[in-house]
Amino acid sequence: MERFSKIGRCVSKDGSMWWPTKQGMDGEDFLKTLKGKKDLTEADYAPAKDFLRPIMVIVANSKNVLIDGPTFKNSPNFAFNPKSCTNLIIRNVKIENEY
């Protein structure tokens, strides 16, 4: 883990995880400070942007959807997240995530 520190990365206190930035490492704690606050904007979340990881593909509130043949690779969070869909067919999908 020392090599990550040498190239500007941050390592957790117990040495078990590395982060690309200090903001990423501290992101969860930062988000807790926002809990319960009203009227938050995108800018309010900016200090935690390296912690927040988007979902690669979301198919939501849809009807008659066919997903056939895509490959999702190294998604930042969930690779594929269908929700509230009617007549959804998923076939021949390949998901390759190392972690």
N, C-alpha and C. Protein backbone atom coordinates (compact mmCIF):
# COMPACT_ATOMS: atom_id res chain seq x y z
N MET A 1 0.81 -1.19 0.00
CA MET A 1 0.00 0.00 0.00
C MET A 1 0.86 1.27 0.00
N GLU A 2 2.07 1.14 0.44
CA GLU A 2 2.95 2.32 0.46
C GLU A 2 3.16 2.89 -0.93
N ARG A 3 3.18 2.04 -1.95
CA ARG A 3 3.38 2.52 -3.32
C ARG A 3 2.23 3.40 -3.77
N PHE A 4 1.00 3.15 -3.27
CA PHE A 4 -0.13 4.01 -3.63
C PHE A 4 0.06 5.40 -3.04
N SER A 5 0.54 5.46 -1.81
CA SER A 5 0.79 6.76 -1.19
C SER A 5 1.83 7.55 -1.95
N LYS A 6 2.81 6.88 -2.49
CA LYS A 6 3.88 7.56 -3.23
C LYS A 6 3.40 8.19 -4.52
N ILE A 7 2.30 7.69 -5.09
CA ILE A 7 1.80 8.25 -6.34
C ILE A 7 0.56 9.14 -6.10
N GLY A 8 0.38 9.59 -4.87
CA GLY A 8 -0.68 10.54 -4.57
C GLY A 8 -2.01 9.94 -4.19
N ARG A 9 -2.05 8.65 -3.95
CA ARG A 9 -3.29 8.00 -3.53
C ARG A 9 -3.35 7.99 -2.01
N CYS A 10 -4.54 7.73 -1.49
CA CYS A 10 -4.72 7.66 -0.04
C CYS A 10 -5.01 6.23 0.37
N VAL A 11 -4.52 5.86 1.51
CA VAL A 11 -4.70 4.50 2.01
C VAL A 11 -5.45 4.59 3.34
N SER A 12 -6.42 3.71 3.53
CA SER A 12 -7.19 3.71 4.77
C SER A 12 -6.27 3.48 5.97
N LYS A 13 -6.75 3.88 7.14
CA LYS A 13 -5.93 3.78 8.35
C LYS A 13 -5.45 2.37 8.63
N ASP A 14 -6.31 1.38 8.32
CA ASP A 14 -5.91 -0.01 8.58
C ASP A 14 -5.11 -0.61 7.42
N GLY A 15 -4.92 0.19 6.35
CA GLY A 15 -4.11 -0.26 5.22
C GLY A 15 -4.79 -1.25 4.30
N SER A 16 -6.10 -1.46 4.47
CA SER A 16 -6.77 -2.49 3.68
C SER A 16 -7.36 -1.97 2.37
N MET A 17 -7.45 -0.66 2.20
CA MET A 17 -8.08 -0.12 1.01
C MET A 17 -7.40 1.16 0.56
N TRP A 18 -7.27 1.32 -0.75
CA TRP A 18 -6.72 2.57 -1.27
C TRP A 18 -7.80 3.33 -2.00
N TRP A 19 -7.64 4.63 -2.03
CA TRP A 19 -8.59 5.54 -2.67
C TRP A 19 -7.81 6.44 -3.61
N PRO A 20 -8.45 6.90 -4.71
CA PRO A 20 -7.74 7.79 -5.64
C PRO A 20 -7.45 9.16 -5.04
N THR A 21 -8.28 9.59 -4.06
CA THR A 21 -8.08 10.91 -3.43
C THR A 21 -8.49 10.84 -1.97
N LYS A 22 -8.07 11.83 -1.22
CA LYS A 22 -8.50 11.94 0.17
C LYS A 22 -10.01 12.18 0.25
N GLN A 23 -10.56 12.95 -0.72
CA GLN A 23 -11.99 13.19 -0.74
C GLN A 23 -12.76 11.88 -0.92
N GLY A 24 -12.23 10.99 -1.73
CA GLY A 24 -12.86 9.69 -1.90
C GLY A 24 -12.84 8.89 -0.61
N MET A 25 -11.71 8.89 0.05
CA MET A 25 -11.56 8.15 1.29
C MET A 25 -12.48 8.71 2.39
N ASP A 26 -12.64 10.02 2.43
CA ASP A 26 -13.45 10.66 3.47
C ASP A 26 -14.90 10.88 3.05
N GLY A 27 -15.25 10.43 1.84
CA GLY A 27 -16.57 10.71 1.29
C GLY A 27 -17.74 10.23 2.13
N GLU A 28 -17.64 9.03 2.66
CA GLU A 28 -18.76 8.49 3.45
C GLU A 28 -19.01 9.35 4.68
N ASP A 29 -17.95 9.73 5.36
CA ASP A 29 -18.10 10.59 6.54
C ASP A 29 -18.66 11.95 6.15
N PHE A 30 -18.20 12.49 5.02
CA PHE A 30 -18.71 13.78 4.56
C PHE A 30 -20.21 13.70 4.28
N LEU A 31 -20.65 12.64 3.63
CA LEU A 31 -22.08 12.51 3.31
C LEU A 31 -22.93 12.45 4.57
N LYS A 32 -22.40 11.89 5.62
CA LYS A 32 -23.14 11.84 6.89
C LYS A 32 -23.40 13.24 7.43
N THR A 33 -22.52 14.20 7.13
CA THR A 33 -22.72 15.58 7.60
C THR A 33 -23.86 16.26 6.84
N LEU A 34 -24.22 15.73 5.68
CA LEU A 34 -25.31 16.31 4.88
C LEU A 34 -26.67 15.74 5.25
N LYS A 35 -26.67 14.65 5.99
CA LYS A 35 -27.93 13.96 6.31
C LYS A 35 -28.88 14.91 7.05
N GLY A 36 -30.11 14.95 6.56
CA GLY A 36 -31.14 15.77 7.19
C GLY A 36 -31.18 17.21 6.69
N LYS A 37 -30.20 17.62 5.92
CA LYS A 37 -30.20 18.99 5.39
C LYS A 37 -31.14 19.07 4.21
N LYS A 38 -31.77 20.20 4.04
CA LYS A 38 -32.74 20.41 2.97
C LYS A 38 -32.13 21.24 1.85
N ASP A 39 -32.73 21.16 0.68
CA ASP A 39 -32.36 21.99 -0.47
C ASP A 39 -30.90 21.85 -0.88
N LEU A 40 -30.39 20.64 -0.82
CA LEU A 40 -29.01 20.40 -1.24
C LEU A 40 -28.90 20.46 -2.76
N THR A 41 -27.79 20.94 -3.23
CA THR A 41 -27.54 21.02 -4.67
C THR A 41 -26.40 20.07 -5.03
N GLU A 42 -26.16 19.95 -6.31
CA GLU A 42 -25.05 19.12 -6.78
C GLU A 42 -23.72 19.60 -6.18
N ALA A 43 -23.57 20.89 -6.05
CA ALA A 43 -22.34 21.47 -5.50
C ALA A 43 -22.11 21.03 -4.05
N ASP A 44 -23.18 20.81 -3.31
CA ASP A 44 -23.05 20.36 -1.92
C ASP A 44 -22.42 18.97 -1.84
N TYR A 45 -22.63 18.16 -2.87
CA TYR A 45 -22.10 16.80 -2.91
C TYR A 45 -20.70 16.73 -3.53
N ALA A 46 -20.25 17.80 -4.13
CA ALA A 46 -18.97 17.80 -4.86
C ALA A 46 -17.79 17.29 -4.04
N PRO A 47 -17.67 17.62 -2.76
CA PRO A 47 -16.52 17.09 -2.00
C PRO A 47 -16.50 15.57 -1.88
N ALA A 48 -17.62 14.92 -2.15
CA ALA A 48 -17.69 13.45 -2.05
C ALA A 48 -17.74 12.78 -3.42
N LYS A 49 -17.47 13.54 -4.49
CA LYS A 49 -17.63 12.98 -5.84
C LYS A 49 -16.75 11.77 -6.09
N ASP A 50 -15.58 11.71 -5.48
CA ASP A 50 -14.71 10.54 -5.68
C ASP A 50 -15.18 9.33 -4.88
N PHE A 51 -16.09 9.54 -3.94
CA PHE A 51 -16.66 8.44 -3.17
C PHE A 51 -17.91 7.89 -3.84
N LEU A 52 -18.73 8.79 -4.37
CA LEU A 52 -19.98 8.40 -5.02
C LEU A 52 -19.68 7.70 -6.34
N ARG A 53 -20.34 6.61 -6.57
CA ARG A 53 -20.08 5.83 -7.78
C ARG A 53 -21.39 5.59 -8.50
N PRO A 54 -21.52 6.06 -9.72
CA PRO A 54 -22.78 5.92 -10.43
C PRO A 54 -23.03 4.50 -10.93
N ILE A 55 -24.28 4.20 -11.18
CA ILE A 55 -24.68 2.94 -11.80
C ILE A 55 -24.46 3.09 -13.30
N MET A 56 -23.94 2.06 -13.94
CA MET A 56 -23.63 2.14 -15.36
C MET A 56 -24.88 2.28 -16.22
N VAL A 57 -25.87 1.39 -16.05
CA VAL A 57 -27.09 1.42 -16.85
C VAL A 57 -28.28 1.21 -15.94
N ILE A 58 -29.27 2.10 -16.05
CA ILE A 58 -30.53 1.95 -15.33
C ILE A 58 -31.64 1.95 -16.37
N VAL A 59 -32.49 0.95 -16.31
CA VAL A 59 -33.70 0.93 -17.11
C VAL A 59 -34.83 0.97 -16.10
N ALA A 60 -35.60 2.07 -16.10
CA ALA A 60 -36.62 2.25 -15.07
C ALA A 60 -37.95 2.67 -15.67
N ASN A 61 -39.00 2.17 -15.03
CA ASN A 61 -40.37 2.55 -15.40
C ASN A 61 -40.59 2.39 -16.91
N SER A 62 -40.22 1.24 -17.43
CA SER A 62 -40.28 1.00 -18.87
C SER A 62 -41.13 -0.22 -19.19
N LYS A 63 -41.63 -0.25 -20.43
CA LYS A 63 -42.43 -1.38 -20.89
C LYS A 63 -41.83 -1.93 -22.18
N ASN A 64 -41.95 -3.24 -22.35
CA ASN A 64 -41.55 -3.90 -23.59
C ASN A 64 -40.09 -3.61 -23.97
N VAL A 65 -39.19 -3.97 -23.08
CA VAL A 65 -37.76 -3.71 -23.29
C VAL A 65 -37.03 -5.02 -23.55
N LEU A 66 -36.17 -5.01 -24.55
CA LEU A 66 -35.31 -6.15 -24.86
C LEU A 66 -33.87 -5.70 -24.72
N ILE A 67 -33.13 -6.36 -23.84
CA ILE A 67 -31.69 -6.14 -23.69
C ILE A 67 -31.03 -7.43 -24.17
N ASP A 68 -30.34 -7.38 -25.30
CA ASP A 68 -29.80 -8.60 -25.90
C ASP A 68 -28.38 -8.36 -26.40
N GLY A 69 -27.42 -8.99 -25.72
CA GLY A 69 -26.06 -9.02 -26.23
C GLY A 69 -25.04 -8.04 -25.71
N PRO A 70 -25.38 -7.11 -24.81
CA PRO A 70 -24.34 -6.16 -24.40
C PRO A 70 -23.35 -6.78 -23.42
N THR A 71 -22.18 -6.18 -23.35
CA THR A 71 -21.18 -6.51 -22.34
C THR A 71 -20.97 -5.26 -21.49
N PHE A 72 -21.08 -5.42 -20.19
CA PHE A 72 -20.81 -4.33 -19.25
C PHE A 72 -19.49 -4.68 -18.55
N LYS A 73 -18.54 -3.78 -18.62
CA LYS A 73 -17.22 -4.08 -18.08
C LYS A 73 -16.75 -2.96 -17.16
N ASN A 74 -16.28 -3.37 -15.98
CA ASN A 74 -15.70 -2.46 -15.00
C ASN A 74 -16.63 -1.29 -14.67
N SER A 75 -17.86 -1.61 -14.35
CA SER A 75 -18.80 -0.56 -13.98
C SER A 75 -18.39 0.04 -12.64
N PRO A 76 -18.69 1.32 -12.44
CA PRO A 76 -18.29 1.95 -11.19
C PRO A 76 -19.10 1.46 -9.99
N ASN A 77 -20.32 1.02 -10.21
CA ASN A 77 -21.18 0.54 -9.13
C ASN A 77 -21.93 -0.66 -9.69
N PHE A 78 -23.24 -0.67 -9.64
CA PHE A 78 -23.99 -1.74 -10.28
C PHE A 78 -23.77 -1.65 -11.78
N ALA A 79 -23.60 -2.76 -12.43
CA ALA A 79 -23.43 -2.74 -13.88
C ALA A 79 -24.76 -2.50 -14.57
N PHE A 80 -25.80 -3.11 -14.07
CA PHE A 80 -27.09 -3.04 -14.73
C PHE A 80 -28.17 -3.09 -13.66
N ASN A 81 -29.08 -2.13 -13.68
CA ASN A 81 -30.07 -2.03 -12.62
C ASN A 81 -31.46 -1.79 -13.21
N PRO A 82 -32.18 -2.86 -13.59
CA PRO A 82 -33.55 -2.66 -14.06
C PRO A 82 -34.50 -2.54 -12.87
N LYS A 83 -35.44 -1.60 -12.96
CA LYS A 83 -36.42 -1.48 -11.89
C LYS A 83 -37.75 -0.96 -12.43
N SER A 84 -38.79 -1.50 -11.89
CA SER A 84 -40.16 -1.13 -12.26
C SER A 84 -40.39 -1.25 -13.76
N CYS A 85 -40.01 -2.38 -14.32
CA CYS A 85 -40.18 -2.63 -15.75
C CYS A 85 -41.24 -3.71 -15.97
N THR A 86 -41.97 -3.57 -17.06
CA THR A 86 -42.96 -4.56 -17.47
C THR A 86 -42.53 -5.14 -18.80
N ASN A 87 -42.62 -6.46 -18.93
CA ASN A 87 -42.20 -7.15 -20.16
C ASN A 87 -40.74 -6.85 -20.50
N LEU A 88 -39.88 -7.11 -19.56
CA LEU A 88 -38.43 -6.91 -19.73
C LEU A 88 -37.79 -8.25 -20.05
N ILE A 89 -37.07 -8.31 -21.15
CA ILE A 89 -36.34 -9.52 -21.52
C ILE A 89 -34.85 -9.19 -21.52
N ILE A 90 -34.10 -9.97 -20.75
CA ILE A 90 -32.65 -9.79 -20.68
C ILE A 90 -32.02 -11.11 -21.08
N ARG A 91 -31.19 -11.08 -22.13
CA ARG A 91 -30.53 -12.31 -22.56
C ARG A 91 -29.18 -11.99 -23.18
N ASN A 92 -28.31 -12.98 -23.12
CA ASN A 92 -26.97 -12.85 -23.70
C ASN A 92 -26.22 -11.64 -23.17
N VAL A 93 -26.36 -11.38 -21.89
CA VAL A 93 -25.68 -10.25 -21.26
C VAL A 93 -24.43 -10.77 -20.55
N LYS A 94 -23.34 -10.07 -20.71
CA LYS A 94 -22.09 -10.44 -20.06
C LYS A 94 -21.65 -9.27 -19.17
N ILE A 95 -21.36 -9.58 -17.92
CA ILE A 95 -20.89 -8.56 -16.98
C ILE A 95 -19.52 -8.99 -16.49
N GLU A 96 -18.54 -8.12 -16.69
CA GLU A 96 -17.16 -8.41 -16.29
C GLU A 96 -16.70 -7.33 -15.33
N ASN A 97 -16.74 -7.66 -14.05
CA ASN A 97 -16.25 -6.76 -13.02
C ASN A 97 -15.24 -7.52 -12.16
N GLU A 98 -14.12 -6.93 -11.96
CA GLU A 98 -13.09 -7.59 -11.17
C GLU A 98 -13.42 -7.60 -9.69
N TYR A 99 -14.15 -6.59 -9.23
CA TYR A 99 -14.40 -6.46 -7.80
C TYR A 99 -15.85 -6.55 -7.50
